[in-house]
Amino acid sequence: MTPSSWKDQIEKKWGPHKHCPICGKAMPPDRKFCSQDCRDNYLQDQKKQKKKGRYQIVFLVAMMAVMFIFMFFVL
């Protein structure tokens, strides 16, 4: 008889589950979040990340425009 791995032992003890990506609590494997609060926090973070990405793109495009204008008039 071979000894069972730690994963098998955990599976036997707790059953199939996964963890919430926001708070880390155990939950059923068919759910994405453990609660509505965690889902709302996730969506709010996604909005912030999207907004931050837009600002970065605008900043980079503006810096490129300034560099091209600088190169055109100075050189």
C-alpha atoms as a PDB file:
ATOM      1  CA  MET A   1       0.000   0.000   0.000  1.00  0.00           C
ATOM      2  CA  THR A   2       1.440   3.373  -0.997  1.00  0.00           C
ATOM      3  CA  PRO A   3       1.159   6.364   1.299  1.00  0.00           C
ATOM      4  CA  SER A   4      -1.285   8.989   0.092  1.00  0.00           C
ATOM      5  CA  SER A   5      -0.011  12.417  -0.831  1.00  0.00           C
ATOM      6  CA  TRP A   6      -0.867  15.512   1.155  1.00  0.00           C
ATOM      7  CA  LYS A   7      -3.179  16.609  -1.658  1.00  0.00           C
ATOM      8  CA  ASP A   8      -5.135  13.368  -1.360  1.00  0.00           C
ATOM      9  CA  GLN A   9      -5.366  13.800   2.405  1.00  0.00           C
ATOM     10  CA  ILE A  10      -6.680  17.363   2.056  1.00  0.00           C
ATOM     11  CA  GLU A  11      -9.149  16.298  -0.634  1.00  0.00           C
ATOM     12  CA  LYS A  12     -10.418  13.502   1.597  1.00  0.00           C
ATOM     13  CA  LYS A  13     -10.775  15.791   4.619  1.00  0.00           C
ATOM     14  CA  TRP A  14     -12.328  18.893   3.013  1.00  0.00           C
ATOM     15  CA  GLY A  15     -13.834  17.621  -0.211  1.00  0.00           C
ATOM     16  CA  PRO A  16     -13.699  19.479  -3.510  1.00  0.00           C
ATOM     17  CA  HIS A  17     -13.361  23.221  -3.011  1.00  0.00           C
ATOM     18  CA  LYS A  18     -11.444  26.259  -4.195  1.00  0.00           C
ATOM     19  CA  HIS A  19     -10.528  29.556  -2.598  1.00  0.00           C
ATOM     20  CA  CYS A  20     -11.920  33.047  -3.156  1.00  0.00           C
ATOM     21  CA  PRO A  21      -9.462  35.169  -5.203  1.00  0.00           C
ATOM     22  CA  ILE A  22     -10.166  38.210  -2.998  1.00  0.00           C
ATOM     23  CA  CYS A  23     -10.223  36.997   0.621  1.00  0.00           C
ATOM     24  CA  GLY A  24      -8.958  33.409   0.319  1.00  0.00           C
ATOM     25  CA  LYS A  25     -11.883  31.722   2.090  1.00  0.00           C
ATOM     26  CA  ALA A  26     -12.800  28.193   1.026  1.00  0.00           C
ATOM     27  CA  MET A  27     -15.910  27.935  -1.132  1.00  0.00           C
ATOM     28  CA  PRO A  28     -17.648  25.467  -3.472  1.00  0.00           C
ATOM     29  CA  PRO A  29     -15.789  24.849  -6.754  1.00  0.00           C
ATOM     30  CA  ASP A  30     -18.677  26.107  -8.903  1.00  0.00           C
ATOM     31  CA  ARG A  31     -18.577  29.679  -7.517  1.00  0.00           C
ATOM     32  CA  LYS A  32     -16.194  32.475  -8.530  1.00  0.00           C
ATOM     33  CA  PHE A  33     -16.433  34.488  -5.300  1.00  0.00           C
ATOM     34  CA  CYS A  34     -17.434  33.618  -1.749  1.00  0.00           C
ATOM     35  CA  SER A  35     -19.754  36.615  -1.286  1.00  0.00           C
ATOM     36  CA  GLN A  36     -21.277  39.599  -3.026  1.00  0.00           C
ATOM     37  CA  ASP A  37     -18.832  41.879  -1.179  1.00  0.00           C
ATOM     38  CA  CYS A  38     -15.837  40.047  -2.661  1.00  0.00           C
ATOM     39  CA  ARG A  39     -17.415  40.196  -6.120  1.00  0.00           C
ATOM     40  CA  ASP A  40     -18.019  43.938  -5.755  1.00  0.00           C
ATOM     41  CA  ASN A  41     -14.424  44.480  -4.561  1.00  0.00           C
ATOM     42  CA  TYR A  42     -13.112  42.530  -7.540  1.00  0.00           C
ATOM     43  CA  LEU A  43     -15.171  44.541 -10.026  1.00  0.00           C
ATOM     44  CA  GLN A  44     -14.120  47.806  -8.379  1.00  0.00           C
ATOM     45  CA  ASP A  45     -10.446  46.796  -8.618  1.00  0.00           C
ATOM     46  CA  GLN A  46     -10.918  45.911 -12.285  1.00  0.00           C
ATOM     47  CA  LYS A  47     -12.371  49.367 -12.970  1.00  0.00           C
ATOM     48  CA  LYS A  48      -9.425  51.012 -11.211  1.00  0.00           C
ATOM     49  CA  GLN A  49      -6.928  48.946 -13.206  1.00  0.00           C
ATOM     50  CA  LYS A  50      -8.647  49.792 -16.484  1.00  0.00           C
ATOM     51  CA  LYS A  51      -8.677  53.504 -15.625  1.00  0.00           C
ATOM     52  CA  LYS A  52      -5.006  53.398 -14.613  1.00  0.00           C
ATOM     53  CA  GLY A  53      -4.136  51.678 -17.894  1.00  0.00           C
ATOM     54  CA  ARG A  54      -5.917  54.374 -19.882  1.00  0.00           C
ATOM     55  CA  TYR A  55      -3.999  57.100 -18.052  1.00  0.00           C
ATOM     56  CA  GLN A  56      -0.714  55.334 -18.777  1.00  0.00           C
ATOM     57  CA  ILE A  57      -1.508  55.046 -22.485  1.00  0.00           C
ATOM     58  CA  VAL A  58      -2.481  58.727 -22.711  1.00  0.00           C
ATOM     59  CA  PHE A  59       0.707  59.713 -20.866  1.00  0.00           C
ATOM     60  CA  LEU A  60       2.913  57.633 -23.170  1.00  0.00           C
ATOM     61  CA  VAL A  61       1.262  58.981 -26.316  1.00  0.00           C
ATOM     62  CA  ALA A  62       1.626  62.549 -25.015  1.00  0.00           C
ATOM     63  CA  MET A  63       5.304  61.990 -24.204  1.00  0.00           C
ATOM     64  CA  MET A  64       5.910  60.582 -27.681  1.00  0.00           C
ATOM     65  CA  ALA A  65       4.206  63.617 -29.223  1.00  0.00           C
ATOM     66  CA  VAL A  66       6.366  65.966 -27.151  1.00  0.00           C
ATOM     67  CA  MET A  67       9.513  64.084 -28.193  1.00  0.00           C
ATOM     68  CA  PHE A  68       8.588  64.225 -31.889  1.00  0.00           C
ATOM     69  CA  ILE A  69       7.819  67.940 -31.690  1.00  0.00           C
ATOM     70  CA  PHE A  70      11.079  68.542 -29.820  1.00  0.00           C
ATOM     71  CA  MET A  71      13.051  66.590 -32.435  1.00  0.00           C
ATOM     72  CA  PHE A  72      11.339  68.381 -35.313  1.00  0.00           C
ATOM     73  CA  PHE A  73      11.967  71.932 -34.058  1.00  0.00           C
ATOM     74  CA  VAL A  74      15.328  71.542 -32.324  1.00  0.00           C
ATOM     75  CA  LEU A  75      17.121  69.269 -34.749  1.00  0.00           C
END
